[in-house]
Amino acid sequence: MNNFSYTKATDLQNAVSLLSENNDHKAVAGGTNIIDLMKYFVTEADTLVDINRISGLSDIKDTENGGVMLGALATNADTAYHPVIEDRYPLLSKAILAGASAQIRNMATNGGNLMQRTRCYYFYDPAVPCNKREPGTGCSAATGYNRIHAILGHNESCIAVFPSDMCVALAALDAEVHISGPKGERVLPFADFHRLPGDTPHLDNNLQAGEIITGLELPEKGFSEYYSYLKLRDRNSYAFALISVAAGFDIEDGLIKEARIALGGVAHKPWRSAEAEAYLKGKTPSEENFAQAAEIILDGAQGFEHNHFKIALAKRAIVRNSIMAMDPGSQRPGAKPSL
């Protein structure tokens, strides 16, 4: 039996206070990941702090600088189907709807999406060594069955990948993460929120003790005309990405004014290449140029026994998705599946 206590935070300050009391006090909102981790005895919590009653964190509203603030407690479904997100940030809507199942999207929260952990087989099996679960024990995936694992940003300590679809789009959009904690409030660029394994593969992100995500700020630019999200997986229903690509472009006079390309399923965090995006600036949106950008993005990629195919697959996915993005409006969400 995995015994734990349960309490409800009355407001943000109370939640921070409760989470700061003990490192084994963990926040729960939708519970779509942490409850699974507890059932598998991968994560232990002395106390679950329910944060669903915190006022204002479920809102989706405009910001003073022309962007949009996504409340951390807004559900993935409410976010994807929000008219402002569908109209101004359709790349994000499409990415969210590519993730999980309708039932999970109805429960999962925006803040929780950032906090989810890898779906590595070995991480979920307490009977085998895993540096992410138990630092210093080794990485079983490196010499095991590693079909779904990383090809970029990994090292000998961990080759797991971050599973989110939503976060790939947030990375491409240059979102910001709003955080509240014992030392007050702070804002992190999305690119700085998640971590590569380095010497601390057990640390997935840069949240400090007692901190809680309060919102995700989207900038004014949403790439609402030239965009596409492509998710390649072993089956179309409820599967994590082998490779995913979020692409957004500004096109002016037939040339690329700005390019954003983010990959999922390839690393410990959503992956972008500033060099590749700079290469595309001022060029025609052609298959040849997208292919060269793909080569830049995958420079240094290293596969393992079972996932070498992901390198070529990622390059082809970047080209395919970028070409799809050139068809204005073709990616806009259409009929909504039944919830």
Protein backbone atom coordinates (compact mmCIF):
# COMPACT_ATOMS: atom_id res chain seq x y z
CA MET A 1 0.00 0.00 0.00
CA ASN A 2 1.33 3.43 -0.99
CA ASN A 3 0.19 5.49 1.99
CA PHE A 4 -0.03 9.28 1.76
CA SER A 5 -1.88 12.22 3.23
CA TYR A 6 -4.11 14.56 1.24
CA THR A 7 -4.86 18.22 1.78
CA LYS A 8 -6.44 21.06 -0.21
CA ALA A 9 -4.63 24.36 -0.64
CA THR A 10 -6.95 27.31 -0.03
CA ASP A 11 -4.97 29.84 -2.07
CA LEU A 12 -1.62 30.29 -3.80
CA GLN A 13 0.23 31.37 -0.67
CA ASN A 14 -1.14 28.37 1.23
CA ALA A 15 -0.08 26.01 -1.59
CA VAL A 16 3.47 27.38 -1.60
CA SER A 17 3.62 27.09 2.18
CA LEU A 18 2.43 23.47 2.14
CA LEU A 19 4.81 22.46 -0.65
CA SER A 20 7.73 24.17 1.10
CA GLU A 21 7.25 22.20 4.32
CA ASN A 22 8.73 19.00 2.93
CA ASN A 23 10.24 17.84 -0.37
CA ASP A 24 7.87 14.87 -0.22
CA HIS A 25 4.85 17.18 -0.38
CA LYS A 26 3.75 17.21 -4.03
CA ALA A 27 1.13 19.22 -5.90
CA VAL A 28 -1.74 17.48 -7.65
CA ALA A 29 -4.21 19.02 -10.09
CA GLY A 30 -5.50 16.75 -12.87
CA GLY A 31 -3.36 13.91 -11.53
CA THR A 32 -2.97 12.27 -14.94
CA ASN A 33 0.75 11.59 -14.43
CA ILE A 34 1.61 11.78 -10.74
CA ILE A 35 -1.07 9.25 -9.76
CA ASP A 36 0.31 6.77 -12.30
CA LEU A 37 3.81 7.31 -10.94
CA MET A 38 2.60 6.66 -7.42
CA LYS A 39 0.76 3.50 -8.47
CA TYR A 40 3.97 2.17 -10.00
CA PHE A 41 5.96 3.19 -6.87
CA VAL A 42 8.14 5.40 -9.07
CA THR A 43 7.21 8.50 -7.08
CA GLU A 44 6.44 8.67 -3.39
CA ALA A 45 4.50 11.51 -1.79
CA ASP A 46 4.14 11.99 1.93
CA THR A 47 1.36 14.48 1.22
CA LEU A 48 -0.54 15.38 -1.96
CA VAL A 49 -1.46 19.05 -2.03
CA ASP A 50 -4.58 19.60 -4.14
CA ILE A 51 -4.20 22.99 -5.86
CA ASN A 52 -7.46 22.98 -7.84
CA ARG A 53 -9.19 25.49 -5.57
CA ILE A 54 -6.66 28.28 -6.17
CA SER A 55 -8.59 31.19 -7.64
CA GLY A 56 -7.61 32.67 -11.00
CA LEU A 57 -5.30 29.90 -12.20
CA SER A 58 -7.90 28.45 -14.57
CA ASP A 59 -8.27 31.67 -16.57
CA ILE A 60 -7.22 32.23 -20.17
CA LYS A 61 -6.96 35.95 -20.76
CA ASP A 62 -5.27 38.66 -22.80
CA THR A 63 -2.13 40.32 -21.47
CA GLU A 64 -1.23 44.01 -21.60
CA ASN A 65 1.53 43.37 -24.16
CA GLY A 66 -0.83 41.79 -26.71
CA GLY A 67 -0.24 38.16 -25.77
CA VAL A 68 -2.30 35.64 -23.86
CA MET A 69 -1.88 34.17 -20.38
CA LEU A 70 -2.83 30.51 -19.99
CA GLY A 71 -3.71 29.68 -16.41
CA ALA A 72 -1.75 26.72 -15.05
CA LEU A 73 -4.98 25.03 -13.94
CA ALA A 74 -6.83 25.48 -17.25
CA THR A 75 -7.30 22.05 -18.77
CA ASN A 76 -5.65 21.01 -22.00
CA ALA A 77 -9.09 20.60 -23.58
CA ASP A 78 -10.32 24.05 -22.54
CA THR A 79 -7.10 25.56 -23.84
CA ALA A 80 -7.14 23.78 -27.21
CA TYR A 81 -10.77 24.69 -27.87
CA HIS A 82 -10.62 28.25 -26.55
CA PRO A 83 -11.61 30.57 -29.43
CA VAL A 84 -8.63 32.87 -28.86
CA ILE A 85 -6.19 29.96 -28.98
CA GLU A 86 -7.83 28.44 -32.06
CA ASP A 87 -7.75 31.81 -33.83
CA ARG A 88 -4.42 33.31 -32.76
CA TYR A 89 -2.36 30.27 -31.72
CA PRO A 90 -3.68 27.39 -33.81
CA LEU A 91 -0.28 25.67 -33.69
CA LEU A 92 -0.74 25.23 -29.95
CA SER A 93 -4.31 24.01 -30.36
CA LYS A 94 -3.28 21.44 -32.93
CA ALA A 95 -0.38 20.18 -30.78
CA ILE A 96 -2.57 19.75 -27.70
CA LEU A 97 -5.18 17.82 -29.67
CA ALA A 98 -2.46 15.46 -30.92
CA GLY A 99 -1.67 14.46 -27.35
CA ALA A 100 -3.15 11.72 -25.17
CA SER A 101 -6.88 10.99 -25.35
CA ALA A 102 -9.94 13.22 -25.04
CA GLN A 103 -10.58 11.92 -21.53
CA ILE A 104 -7.06 12.76 -20.38
CA ARG A 105 -7.13 16.19 -22.06
CA ASN A 106 -10.29 16.94 -20.07
CA MET A 107 -8.40 16.33 -16.82
CA ALA A 108 -4.80 17.30 -17.59
CA THR A 109 -3.81 20.88 -16.76
CA ASN A 110 -1.45 23.22 -18.56
CA GLY A 111 0.95 23.39 -15.63
CA GLY A 112 0.86 19.64 -15.20
CA ASN A 113 1.72 19.14 -18.85
CA LEU A 114 5.07 20.81 -18.24
CA MET A 115 5.65 18.69 -15.14
CA GLN A 116 5.01 15.26 -16.62
CA ARG A 117 7.86 12.79 -16.60
CA THR A 118 9.36 10.54 -19.25
CA ARG A 119 7.57 7.40 -20.44
CA CYS A 120 10.82 5.41 -20.61
CA TYR A 121 10.05 1.73 -19.96
CA TYR A 122 12.95 1.42 -17.52
CA PHE A 123 11.99 4.53 -15.57
CA TYR A 124 8.59 2.95 -14.90
CA ASP A 125 10.11 -0.34 -13.72
CA PRO A 126 11.54 -0.07 -10.18
CA ALA A 127 13.14 -3.52 -10.60
CA VAL A 128 15.80 -2.23 -13.02
CA PRO A 129 18.50 0.47 -12.71
CA CYS A 130 17.55 4.00 -13.77
CA ASN A 131 19.52 7.18 -13.09
CA LYS A 132 16.41 9.31 -13.47
CA ARG A 133 14.54 7.33 -10.83
CA GLU A 134 17.54 6.48 -8.64
CA PRO A 135 20.68 8.54 -9.40
CA GLY A 136 23.90 6.59 -9.69
CA THR A 137 22.39 3.22 -10.58
CA GLY A 138 22.91 3.41 -14.34
CA CYS A 139 20.85 3.78 -17.52
CA SER A 140 19.22 0.51 -18.55
CA ALA A 141 17.88 2.02 -21.77
CA ALA A 142 21.34 2.68 -23.19
CA THR A 143 21.98 -1.04 -23.62
CA GLY A 144 18.35 -2.16 -23.63
CA TYR A 145 15.39 -1.71 -25.94
CA ASN A 146 15.67 1.97 -26.86
CA ARG A 147 13.36 2.43 -29.87
CA ILE A 148 11.59 5.48 -28.40
CA HIS A 149 14.63 7.11 -26.86
CA ALA A 150 16.71 10.25 -27.45
CA ILE A 151 18.91 11.07 -30.40
CA LEU A 152 19.88 14.60 -29.27
CA GLY A 153 21.06 16.14 -26.00
CA HIS A 154 21.60 12.85 -24.19
CA ASN A 155 24.65 11.45 -22.42
CA GLU A 156 25.68 8.21 -20.75
CA SER A 157 23.58 9.01 -17.68
CA CYS A 158 20.18 9.16 -19.42
CA ILE A 159 18.72 8.79 -22.91
CA ALA A 160 15.05 9.33 -22.01
CA VAL A 161 12.81 11.76 -23.93
CA PHE A 162 10.26 14.29 -22.74
CA PRO A 163 6.80 13.12 -23.91
CA SER A 164 4.69 16.31 -24.22
CA ASP A 165 3.09 17.53 -27.46
CA MET A 166 1.87 20.80 -25.99
CA CYS A 167 5.38 21.75 -24.88
CA VAL A 168 6.80 21.35 -28.39
CA ALA A 169 4.42 24.06 -29.60
CA LEU A 170 5.12 26.23 -26.55
CA ALA A 171 8.83 25.99 -27.33
CA ALA A 172 8.24 27.07 -30.93
CA LEU A 173 6.09 29.99 -29.77
CA ASP A 174 8.70 31.27 -27.28
CA ALA A 175 6.29 31.08 -24.35
CA GLU A 176 7.24 32.10 -20.82
CA VAL A 177 6.59 30.20 -17.60
CA HIS A 178 5.23 32.18 -14.63
CA ILE A 179 6.25 30.73 -11.27
CA SER A 180 5.42 31.52 -7.66
CA GLY A 181 7.40 30.26 -4.66
CA PRO A 182 8.78 31.01 -1.20
CA LYS A 183 11.03 33.75 -2.62
CA GLY A 184 8.23 35.40 -4.60
CA GLU A 185 7.36 35.37 -8.29
CA ARG A 186 9.62 34.88 -11.29
CA VAL A 187 9.37 34.27 -15.03
CA LEU A 188 11.41 31.75 -17.02
CA PRO A 189 11.75 31.64 -20.80
CA PHE A 190 10.25 28.34 -21.89
CA ALA A 191 13.59 27.19 -23.28
CA ASP A 192 15.08 27.45 -19.77
CA PHE A 193 12.36 25.52 -17.94
CA HIS A 194 13.25 21.93 -18.85
CA ARG A 195 16.75 20.50 -18.43
CA LEU A 196 19.06 18.21 -20.36
CA PRO A 197 20.32 15.26 -18.28
CA GLY A 198 23.87 16.46 -17.61
CA ASP A 199 25.02 15.16 -14.24
CA THR A 200 21.51 15.39 -12.76
CA PRO A 201 19.18 13.30 -14.94
CA HIS A 202 16.72 12.97 -12.05
CA LEU A 203 15.96 16.72 -12.31
CA ASP A 204 13.54 17.33 -15.17
CA ASN A 205 13.14 21.09 -14.83
CA ASN A 206 14.37 24.20 -13.05
CA LEU A 207 11.56 24.60 -10.52
CA GLN A 208 12.93 25.19 -7.03
CA ALA A 209 11.63 23.68 -3.79
CA GLY A 210 8.15 24.94 -2.93
CA GLU A 211 7.59 26.61 -6.31
CA ILE A 212 4.45 26.21 -8.37
CA ILE A 213 3.65 27.11 -11.99
CA THR A 214 0.92 29.76 -12.12
CA GLY A 215 0.67 30.43 -15.85
CA LEU A 216 2.12 30.25 -19.34
CA GLU A 217 2.42 33.50 -21.25
CA LEU A 218 2.16 33.43 -25.02
CA PRO A 219 3.72 36.34 -26.95
CA GLU A 220 1.70 38.41 -29.37
CA LYS A 221 3.08 36.56 -32.39
CA GLY A 222 1.23 33.29 -32.85
CA PHE A 223 2.15 32.27 -36.43
CA SER A 224 -1.56 31.87 -37.18
CA GLU A 225 -1.18 31.75 -40.98
CA TYR A 226 1.83 29.58 -41.79
CA TYR A 227 2.07 26.77 -39.27
CA SER A 228 1.80 23.02 -38.89
CA TYR A 229 2.17 20.32 -36.24
CA LEU A 230 3.14 16.82 -37.27
CA LYS A 231 3.23 13.84 -34.90
CA LEU A 232 4.65 10.52 -36.07
CA ARG A 233 3.88 7.56 -33.82
CA ASP A 234 3.43 3.81 -33.90
CA ARG A 235 -0.36 4.13 -33.81
CA ASN A 236 -2.74 7.04 -34.29
CA SER A 237 -4.62 6.59 -31.03
CA TYR A 238 -3.13 7.48 -27.66
CA ALA A 239 0.56 7.00 -28.37
CA PHE A 240 3.56 9.18 -27.65
CA ALA A 241 5.57 10.65 -30.50
CA LEU A 242 8.51 8.92 -32.08
CA ILE A 243 9.09 12.30 -33.73
CA SER A 244 6.98 15.45 -33.59
CA VAL A 245 7.57 18.79 -35.28
CA ALA A 246 6.02 22.19 -34.56
CA ALA A 247 6.68 24.76 -37.28
CA GLY A 248 5.66 28.38 -37.63
CA PHE A 249 6.75 30.87 -40.28
CA ASP A 250 6.35 34.52 -41.18
CA ILE A 251 6.37 34.89 -44.97
CA GLU A 252 6.83 38.26 -46.65
CA ASP A 253 7.15 38.80 -50.42
CA GLY A 254 7.69 35.09 -50.91
CA LEU A 255 10.61 34.89 -48.47
CA ILE A 256 10.88 33.58 -44.92
CA LYS A 257 10.97 36.55 -42.57
CA GLU A 258 11.06 34.39 -39.42
CA ALA A 259 11.15 30.64 -38.82
CA ARG A 260 10.41 28.55 -35.75
CA ILE A 261 10.96 24.78 -35.72
CA ALA A 262 10.77 22.67 -32.56
CA LEU A 263 11.12 18.89 -32.26
CA GLY A 264 9.59 16.48 -29.78
CA GLY A 265 10.43 12.85 -29.10
CA VAL A 266 14.15 13.45 -29.66
CA ALA A 267 15.57 14.76 -26.39
CA HIS A 268 15.12 15.43 -22.68
CA LYS A 269 13.29 18.64 -23.63
CA PRO A 270 11.70 20.19 -26.73
CA TRP A 271 14.52 20.81 -29.20
CA ARG A 272 15.20 23.96 -31.24
CA SER A 273 18.17 25.13 -33.27
CA ALA A 274 18.78 28.87 -33.47
CA GLU A 275 21.32 28.20 -36.22
CA ALA A 276 18.75 26.40 -38.41
CA GLU A 277 16.15 29.12 -37.91
CA ALA A 278 18.70 31.80 -38.78
CA TYR A 279 19.69 29.84 -41.90
CA LEU A 280 16.09 29.95 -43.18
CA LYS A 281 15.68 33.69 -42.66
CA GLY A 282 15.49 35.51 -45.99
CA LYS A 283 15.31 32.31 -48.05
CA THR A 284 12.50 30.90 -50.13
CA PRO A 285 10.31 28.30 -48.38
CA SER A 286 11.53 25.45 -50.58
CA GLU A 287 12.04 21.74 -49.97
CA GLU A 288 15.76 22.19 -50.55
CA ASN A 289 16.09 24.91 -47.90
CA PHE A 290 13.98 22.99 -45.40
CA ALA A 291 16.15 19.93 -45.98
CA GLN A 292 19.29 21.94 -45.25
CA ALA A 293 17.68 23.32 -42.08
CA ALA A 294 16.88 19.73 -41.06
CA GLU A 295 20.53 18.76 -41.50
CA ILE A 296 21.53 21.65 -39.22
CA ILE A 297 18.97 20.71 -36.57
CA LEU A 298 20.06 17.06 -36.52
CA ASP A 299 23.79 17.84 -36.57
CA GLY A 300 25.40 15.75 -33.86
CA ALA A 301 22.42 13.40 -33.47
CA GLN A 302 23.39 9.99 -32.15
CA GLY A 303 21.17 6.94 -32.18
CA PHE A 304 21.38 3.64 -30.35
CA GLU A 305 20.83 0.03 -31.35
CA HIS A 306 17.08 0.31 -31.86
CA ASN A 307 16.48 3.98 -32.71
CA HIS A 308 18.96 4.97 -35.44
CA PHE A 309 15.96 5.29 -37.76
CA LYS A 310 14.76 8.34 -35.82
CA ILE A 311 17.54 10.53 -37.25
CA ALA A 312 16.41 10.10 -40.86
CA LEU A 313 12.77 10.14 -39.76
CA ALA A 314 13.24 13.48 -37.99
CA LYS A 315 14.85 15.05 -41.06
CA ARG A 316 12.03 13.92 -43.32
CA ALA A 317 9.42 15.05 -40.78
CA ILE A 318 10.92 18.55 -40.63
CA VAL A 319 10.77 18.91 -44.42
CA ARG A 320 7.28 17.44 -44.68
CA ASN A 321 5.88 19.58 -41.87
CA SER A 322 7.49 22.78 -43.11
CA ILE A 323 6.00 22.27 -46.57
CA MET A 324 2.60 21.60 -44.97
CA ALA A 325 2.91 24.90 -43.11
CA MET A 326 3.12 26.77 -46.41
CA ASP A 327 -0.54 25.99 -47.19
CA PRO A 328 -2.33 28.81 -45.34
CA GLY A 329 -5.18 27.63 -43.14
CA SER A 330 -4.87 23.96 -44.04
CA GLN A 331 -3.83 23.07 -40.50
CA ARG A 332 -6.55 25.02 -38.74
CA PRO A 333 -8.49 22.75 -36.38
CA GLY A 334 -11.64 21.43 -38.01
CA ALA A 335 -14.36 19.25 -36.56
CA LYS A 336 -13.96 18.67 -32.86
CA PRO A 337 -13.92 15.09 -31.68
CA SER A 338 -16.45 14.05 -29.11
CA LEU A 339 -15.36 14.75 -25.55
